[in-house]
PDB file of N, CA and C in Angstrom:
ATOM      1  N   MET A   1      18.907   6.845   0.834  1.00  0.00           N
ATOM      2  CA  MET A   1      17.477   7.365   0.366  1.00  0.00           C
ATOM      3  C   MET A   1      16.774   6.695  -0.694  1.00  0.00           C
ATOM      4  N   VAL A   2      18.103   5.885  -1.244  1.00  0.00           N
ATOM      5  CA  VAL A   2      17.713   4.677  -2.405  1.00  0.00           C
ATOM      6  C   VAL A   2      16.834   3.567  -1.994  1.00  0.00           C
ATOM      7  N   MET A   3      17.253   3.350  -0.721  1.00  0.00           N
ATOM      8  CA  MET A   3      16.450   2.303  -0.155  1.00  0.00           C
ATOM      9  C   MET A   3      14.934   2.401   0.186  1.00  0.00           C
ATOM     10  N   GLN A   4      14.869   3.696   0.987  1.00  0.00           N
ATOM     11  CA  GLN A   4      13.365   3.918   1.216  1.00  0.00           C
ATOM     12  C   GLN A   4      12.572   4.085  -0.305  1.00  0.00           C
ATOM     13  N   ALA A   5      13.308   4.655  -1.127  1.00  0.00           N
ATOM     14  CA  ALA A   5      12.380   4.955  -2.125  1.00  0.00           C
ATOM     15  C   ALA A   5      11.993   3.564  -2.641  1.00  0.00           C
ATOM     16  N   GLU A   6      12.802   2.539  -2.519  1.00  0.00           N
ATOM     17  CA  GLU A   6      12.735   1.252  -3.266  1.00  0.00           C
ATOM     18  C   GLU A   6      11.514   0.602  -2.097  1.00  0.00           C
ATOM     19  N   MET A   7      11.680   0.836  -1.250  1.00  0.00           N
ATOM     20  CA  MET A   7      10.630   0.058  -0.061  1.00  0.00           C
ATOM     21  C   MET A   7       9.284   0.713  -0.371  1.00  0.00           C
ATOM     22  N   LEU A   8       9.259   2.227  -0.818  1.00  0.00           N
ATOM     23  CA  LEU A   8       7.866   2.463  -1.184  1.00  0.00           C
ATOM     24  C   LEU A   8       7.427   2.178  -2.252  1.00  0.00           C
ATOM     25  N   ARG A   9       8.447   1.765  -3.155  1.00  0.00           N
ATOM     26  CA  ARG A   9       8.225   1.249  -4.684  1.00  0.00           C
ATOM     27  C   ARG A   9       7.541  -0.094  -4.578  1.00  0.00           C
ATOM     28  N   LYS A  10       7.956  -0.883  -3.636  1.00  0.00           N
ATOM     29  CA  LYS A  10       7.601  -2.098  -3.331  1.00  0.00           C
ATOM     30  C   LYS A  10       6.185  -2.306  -2.659  1.00  0.00           C
ATOM     31  N   ALA A  11       6.213  -1.743  -1.939  1.00  0.00           N
ATOM     32  CA  ALA A  11       4.892  -1.233  -1.196  1.00  0.00           C
ATOM     33  C   ALA A  11       3.611  -0.934  -2.196  1.00  0.00           C
ATOM     34  N   ILE A  12       3.916   0.098  -3.086  1.00  0.00           N
ATOM     35  CA  ILE A  12       2.844   0.267  -4.002  1.00  0.00           C
ATOM     36  C   ILE A  12       2.586  -0.562  -4.988  1.00  0.00           C
ATOM     37  N   GLU A  13       3.818  -1.363  -5.697  1.00  0.00           N
ATOM     38  CA  GLU A  13       3.503  -2.359  -6.548  1.00  0.00           C
ATOM     39  C   GLU A  13       2.525  -3.356  -5.670  1.00  0.00           C
ATOM     40  N   ASN A  14       3.075  -3.672  -4.664  1.00  0.00           N
ATOM     41  CA  ASN A  14       2.320  -4.970  -3.962  1.00  0.00           C
ATOM     42  C   ASN A  14       0.670  -4.801  -4.022  1.00  0.00           C
ATOM     43  N   LEU A  15       0.216  -3.310  -3.801  1.00  0.00           N
ATOM     44  CA  LEU A  15      -1.215  -3.020  -3.247  1.00  0.00           C
ATOM     45  C   LEU A  15      -1.875  -2.972  -4.778  1.00  0.00           C
ATOM     46  N   ILE A  16      -0.895  -2.478  -5.803  1.00  0.00           N
ATOM     47  CA  ILE A  16      -1.460  -2.460  -7.101  1.00  0.00           C
ATOM     48  C   ILE A  16      -1.548  -3.797  -7.717  1.00  0.00           C
ATOM     49  N   ASP A  17      -0.721  -4.916  -7.241  1.00  0.00           N
ATOM     50  CA  ASP A  17      -0.831  -6.109  -7.559  1.00  0.00           C
ATOM     51  C   ASP A  17      -2.144  -6.873  -7.115  1.00  0.00           C
ATOM     52  N   ALA A  18      -1.853  -6.820  -5.839  1.00  0.00           N
ATOM     53  CA  ALA A  18      -3.334  -7.285  -5.194  1.00  0.00           C
ATOM     54  C   ALA A  18      -4.906  -6.966  -5.538  1.00  0.00           C
ATOM     55  N   LYS A  19      -4.585  -5.710  -5.623  1.00  0.00           N
ATOM     56  CA  LYS A  19      -5.932  -5.024  -6.621  1.00  0.00           C
ATOM     57  C   LYS A  19      -6.171  -5.639  -8.221  1.00  0.00           C
ATOM     58  N   LEU A  20      -4.946  -5.610  -8.964  1.00  0.00           N
ATOM     59  CA  LEU A  20      -5.311  -6.281 -10.269  1.00  0.00           C
ATOM     60  C   LEU A  20      -5.590  -7.682 -10.163  1.00  0.00           C
ATOM     61  N   VAL A  21      -5.000  -8.720  -9.134  1.00  0.00           N
ATOM     62  CA  VAL A  21      -5.313 -10.115  -9.038  1.00  0.00           C
ATOM     63  C   VAL A  21      -6.775  -9.988  -8.682  1.00  0.00           C
ATOM     64  N   ASP A  22      -7.288  -9.401  -7.763  1.00  0.00           N
ATOM     65  CA  ASP A  22      -8.577  -9.349  -7.647  1.00  0.00           C
ATOM     66  C   ASP A  22      -9.548  -8.825  -8.467  1.00  0.00           C
ATOM     67  N   ALA A  23      -9.108  -8.056  -9.225  1.00  0.00           N
ATOM     68  CA  ALA A  23     -10.082  -7.629 -10.247  1.00  0.00           C
ATOM     69  C   ALA A  23     -10.184  -8.510 -11.399  1.00  0.00           C
ATOM     70  N   MET A  24      -9.056  -9.153 -11.886  1.00  0.00           N
ATOM     71  CA  MET A  24      -9.215  -9.905 -13.037  1.00  0.00           C
ATOM     72  C   MET A  24      -8.948 -11.256 -12.839  1.00  0.00           C
ATOM     73  N   ALA A  25      -8.853 -11.750 -11.710  1.00  0.00           N
ATOM     74  CA  ALA A  25      -8.644 -13.419 -11.600  1.00  0.00           C
ATOM     75  C   ALA A  25     -10.201 -14.042 -10.480  1.00  0.00           C
ATOM     76  N   ARG A  26     -10.648 -13.031 -10.045  1.00  0.00           N
ATOM     77  CA  ARG A  26     -11.928 -13.537  -9.199  1.00  0.00           C
ATOM     78  C   ARG A  26     -13.082 -12.833  -9.932  1.00  0.00           C
ATOM     79  N   PRO A  27     -14.203 -13.952  -9.640  1.00  0.00           N
ATOM     80  CA  PRO A  27     -15.283 -13.516 -10.384  1.00  0.00           C
ATOM     81  C   PRO A  27     -16.014 -12.391  -9.637  1.00  0.00           C
ATOM     82  N   ASP A  28     -16.376 -11.433 -10.379  1.00  0.00           N
ATOM     83  CA  ASP A  28     -16.893 -10.124 -10.287  1.00  0.00           C
ATOM     84  C   ASP A  28     -16.098  -9.152  -9.545  1.00  0.00           C
ATOM     85  N   GLY A  29     -14.442  -9.320  -9.904  1.00  0.00           N
ATOM     86  CA  GLY A  29     -13.531  -8.577  -9.377  1.00  0.00           C
ATOM     87  C   GLY A  29     -13.737  -7.103  -9.760  1.00  0.00           C
ATOM     88  N   LEU A  30     -14.258  -6.464 -10.580  1.00  0.00           N
ATOM     89  CA  LEU A  30     -14.131  -5.216 -10.728  1.00  0.00           C
ATOM     90  C   LEU A  30     -15.380  -4.573 -10.055  1.00  0.00           C
ATOM     91  N   SER A  31     -16.429  -5.242  -9.837  1.00  0.00           N
ATOM     92  CA  SER A  31     -17.612  -4.816  -9.130  1.00  0.00           C
ATOM     93  C   SER A  31     -17.027  -4.377  -7.404  1.00  0.00           C
ATOM     94  N   ARG A  32     -16.366  -5.632  -6.930  1.00  0.00           N
ATOM     95  CA  ARG A  32     -16.060  -5.531  -5.666  1.00  0.00           C
ATOM     96  C   ARG A  32     -14.588  -4.453  -5.740  1.00  0.00           C
ATOM     97  N   LEU A  33     -13.971  -4.182  -6.428  1.00  0.00           N
ATOM     98  CA  LEU A  33     -13.168  -2.936  -6.474  1.00  0.00           C
ATOM     99  C   LEU A  33     -13.875  -1.847  -6.271  1.00  0.00           C
ATOM    100  N   LEU A  34     -15.038  -1.478  -7.224  1.00  0.00           N
ATOM    101  CA  LEU A  34     -15.765  -0.591  -6.840  1.00  0.00           C
ATOM    102  C   LEU A  34     -16.374  -0.264  -5.914  1.00  0.00           C
ATOM    103  N   ALA A  35     -16.909  -1.654  -5.176  1.00  0.00           N
ATOM    104  CA  ALA A  35     -17.396  -1.204  -3.914  1.00  0.00           C
ATOM    105  C   ALA A  35     -16.382  -0.658  -2.996  1.00  0.00           C
ATOM    106  N   HIS A  36     -15.395  -1.251  -2.989  1.00  0.00           N
ATOM    107  CA  HIS A  36     -14.241  -1.031  -1.961  1.00  0.00           C
ATOM    108  C   HIS A  36     -14.012   0.659  -1.938  1.00  0.00           C
ATOM    109  N   ARG A  37     -13.895   0.839  -3.454  1.00  0.00           N
ATOM    110  CA  ARG A  37     -14.054   2.672  -3.518  1.00  0.00           C
ATOM    111  C   ARG A  37     -15.028   3.301  -2.637  1.00  0.00           C
ATOM    112  N   ARG A  38     -16.205   2.821  -2.585  1.00  0.00           N
ATOM    113  CA  ARG A  38     -17.383   3.602  -2.031  1.00  0.00           C
ATOM    114  C   ARG A  38     -17.650   3.233  -0.631  1.00  0.00           C
ATOM    115  N   THR A  39     -17.082   2.075  -0.309  1.00  0.00           N
ATOM    116  CA  THR A  39     -17.504   1.251   1.092  1.00  0.00           C
ATOM    117  C   THR A  39     -16.192   1.493   2.409  1.00  0.00           C
ATOM    118  N   GLY A  40     -15.135   0.976   1.511  1.00  0.00           N
ATOM    119  CA  GLY A  40     -13.880   0.993   2.224  1.00  0.00           C
ATOM    120  C   GLY A  40     -13.596  -0.652   2.587  1.00  0.00           C
ATOM    121  N   VAL A  41     -14.731  -1.367   2.296  1.00  0.00           N
ATOM    122  CA  VAL A  41     -14.737  -2.850   2.359  1.00  0.00           C
ATOM    123  C   VAL A  41     -13.625  -3.640   1.254  1.00  0.00           C
ATOM    124  N   ALA A  42     -12.753  -4.395   1.716  1.00  0.00           N
ATOM    125  CA  ALA A  42     -11.960  -4.819   0.723  1.00  0.00           C
ATOM    126  C   ALA A  42     -11.448  -6.502   1.118  1.00  0.00           C
ATOM    127  N   THR A  43     -11.218  -7.110  -0.015  1.00  0.00           N
ATOM    128  CA  THR A  43     -10.575  -8.582   0.695  1.00  0.00           C
ATOM    129  C   THR A  43      -9.421  -8.522   1.362  1.00  0.00           C
ATOM    130  N   PRO A  44      -9.204  -9.393   1.994  1.00  0.00           N
ATOM    131  CA  PRO A  44      -8.352  -9.498   3.097  1.00  0.00           C
ATOM    132  C   PRO A  44      -6.473  -9.424   2.514  1.00  0.00           C
ATOM    133  N   ASP A  45      -6.651  -9.915   0.979  1.00  0.00           N
ATOM    134  CA  ASP A  45      -5.335  -9.310   0.347  1.00  0.00           C
ATOM    135  C   ASP A  45      -5.079  -7.943   0.036  1.00  0.00           C
ATOM    136  N   ILE A  46      -6.273  -7.431  -0.318  1.00  0.00           N
ATOM    137  CA  ILE A  46      -6.218  -5.882  -0.157  1.00  0.00           C
ATOM    138  C   ILE A  46      -5.950  -5.041   0.936  1.00  0.00           C
ATOM    139  N   ARG A  47      -6.657  -5.632   1.894  1.00  0.00           N
ATOM    140  CA  ARG A  47      -6.474  -4.666   3.383  1.00  0.00           C
ATOM    141  C   ARG A  47      -5.168  -5.173   3.969  1.00  0.00           C
ATOM    142  N   ASN A  48      -4.443  -6.143   3.296  1.00  0.00           N
ATOM    143  CA  ASN A  48      -2.931  -6.760   3.912  1.00  0.00           C
ATOM    144  C   ASN A  48      -1.833  -5.859   3.186  1.00  0.00           C
ATOM    145  N   ALA A  49      -2.394  -5.735   1.723  1.00  0.00           N
ATOM    146  CA  ALA A  49      -1.355  -4.807   1.074  1.00  0.00           C
ATOM    147  C   ALA A  49      -1.567  -3.114   1.599  1.00  0.00           C
ATOM    148  N   GLU A  50      -2.916  -2.754   1.789  1.00  0.00           N
ATOM    149  CA  GLU A  50      -3.090  -1.440   2.224  1.00  0.00           C
ATOM    150  C   GLU A  50      -2.019  -1.058   3.600  1.00  0.00           C
ATOM    151  N   ARG A  51      -2.075  -2.186   4.534  1.00  0.00           N
ATOM    152  CA  ARG A  51      -1.654  -2.106   5.653  1.00  0.00           C
ATOM    153  C   ARG A  51      -0.278  -2.189   5.951  1.00  0.00           C
ATOM    154  N   ARG A  52       0.429  -2.924   4.571  1.00  0.00           N
ATOM    155  CA  ARG A  52       1.824  -3.009   4.436  1.00  0.00           C
ATOM    156  C   ARG A  52       2.108  -1.669   3.723  1.00  0.00           C
ATOM    157  N   LEU A  53       1.505  -0.887   3.103  1.00  0.00           N
ATOM    158  CA  LEU A  53       2.099   0.347   2.367  1.00  0.00           C
ATOM    159  C   LEU A  53       1.697   1.499   3.634  1.00  0.00           C
ATOM    160  N   GLU A  54       0.680   1.581   4.154  1.00  0.00           N
ATOM    161  CA  GLU A  54       0.750   2.372   5.666  1.00  0.00           C
ATOM    162  C   GLU A  54       1.976   2.343   6.359  1.00  0.00           C
ATOM    163  N   GLN A  55       2.427   1.111   6.784  1.00  0.00           N
ATOM    164  CA  GLN A  55       3.424   0.820   7.769  1.00  0.00           C
ATOM    165  C   GLN A  55       4.691   1.519   7.052  1.00  0.00           C
ATOM    166  N   THR A  56       5.028   1.391   5.675  1.00  0.00           N
ATOM    167  CA  THR A  56       6.156   1.528   4.904  1.00  0.00           C
ATOM    168  C   THR A  56       6.172   3.130   5.036  1.00  0.00           C
ATOM    169  N   LEU A  57       5.001   3.730   4.841  1.00  0.00           N
ATOM    170  CA  LEU A  57       4.900   4.894   4.801  1.00  0.00           C
ATOM    171  C   LEU A  57       5.248   5.572   6.404  1.00  0.00           C
ATOM    172  N   ASP A  58       4.765   4.972   7.469  1.00  0.00           N
ATOM    173  CA  ASP A  58       5.068   5.358   8.588  1.00  0.00           C
ATOM    174  C   ASP A  58       6.388   5.387   9.040  1.00  0.00           C
ATOM    175  N   GLU A  59       7.170   4.528   8.492  1.00  0.00           N
ATOM    176  CA  GLU A  59       8.539   4.004   8.668  1.00  0.00           C
ATOM    177  C   GLU A  59       9.298   5.109   8.082  1.00  0.00           C
ATOM    178  N   LEU A  60       8.948   5.639   6.903  1.00  0.00           N
ATOM    179  CA  LEU A  60       9.801   6.311   6.195  1.00  0.00           C
ATOM    180  C   LEU A  60       9.740   7.903   6.678  1.00  0.00           C
ATOM    181  N   VAL A  61       8.384   8.290   7.466  1.00  0.00           N
ATOM    182  CA  VAL A  61       8.158   9.416   7.885  1.00  0.00           C
ATOM    183  C   VAL A  61       8.947   9.373   9.272  1.00  0.00           C
ATOM    184  N   SER A  62       9.080   8.699   9.971  1.00  0.00           N
ATOM    185  CA  SER A  62       9.798   8.333  11.337  1.00  0.00           C
ATOM    186  C   SER A  62      11.453   8.770  10.704  1.00  0.00           C
ATOM    187  N   PHE A  63      11.768   7.759   9.935  1.00  0.00           N
ATOM    188  CA  PHE A  63      13.189   8.061   9.156  1.00  0.00           C
ATOM    189  C   PHE A  63      13.773   9.541   8.892  1.00  0.00           C
ATOM    190  N   ALA A  64      12.587  10.216   8.172  1.00  0.00           N
ATOM    191  CA  ALA A  64      13.034  11.460   7.915  1.00  0.00           C
ATOM    192  C   ALA A  64      12.850  12.552   9.000  1.00  0.00           C
ATOM    193  N   GLU A  65      12.306  11.938  10.024  1.00  0.00           N
ATOM    194  CA  GLU A  65      11.827  12.906  11.118  1.00  0.00           C
ATOM    195  C   GLU A  65      13.354  12.920  11.840  1.00  0.00           C
ATOM    196  N   GLU A  66      14.010  11.590  12.196  1.00  0.00           N
ATOM    197  CA  GLU A  66      15.251  11.294  12.762  1.00  0.00           C
ATOM    198  C   GLU A  66      16.413  11.891  12.115  1.00  0.00           C
ATOM    199  N   HIS A  67      16.185  11.964  10.673  1.00  0.00           N
ATOM    200  CA  HIS A  67      17.432  12.565   9.991  1.00  0.00           C
ATOM    201  C   HIS A  67      17.212  14.148  10.125  1.00  0.00           C
ATOM    202  N   ALA A  68      15.847  14.592  10.165  1.00  0.00           N
ATOM    203  CA  ALA A  68      15.755  16.318  10.265  1.00  0.00           C
ATOM    204  C   ALA A  68      16.152  16.435  11.677  1.00  0.00           C
ATOM    205  N   GLU A  69      15.877  15.701  12.783  1.00  0.00           N
ATOM    206  CA  GLU A  69      16.369  15.901  14.174  1.00  0.00           C
ATOM    207  C   GLU A  69      17.840  15.960  14.051  1.00  0.00           C
ATOM    208  N   GLN A  70      18.546  14.835  13.171  1.00  0.00           N
ATOM    209  CA  GLN A  70      20.143  14.935  13.327  1.00  0.00           C
ATOM    210  C   GLN A  70      20.645  16.014  12.836  1.00  0.00           C
ATOM    211  N   ALA A  71      20.093  16.376  11.760  1.00  0.00           N
ATOM    212  CA  ALA A  71      20.689  17.703  11.142  1.00  0.00           C
ATOM    213  C   ALA A  71      20.550  18.917  11.324  1.00  0.00           C
ATOM    214  N   ALA A  72      19.613  19.189  12.591  1.00  0.00           N
ATOM    215  CA  ALA A  72      19.211  20.512  13.312  1.00  0.00           C
ATOM    216  C   ALA A  72      20.284  20.776  14.317  1.00  0.00           C
TER     217      ALA A  72
END
């Protein structure tokens, strides 16, 4: 369970870092982040981080389902 929590933490941190870099290091970054909230359009780095977070969540759900089946 510790490993799964660590995987989730890293995926979340990766998404936060991608958003911070975009907002702070690029021109008009804050405007871009606000536009992303409204439209769903994001930079490739943010989309990749979101995809990795979704993959991690899918893996964790699958892992939890497997353990629930084994316990039953």
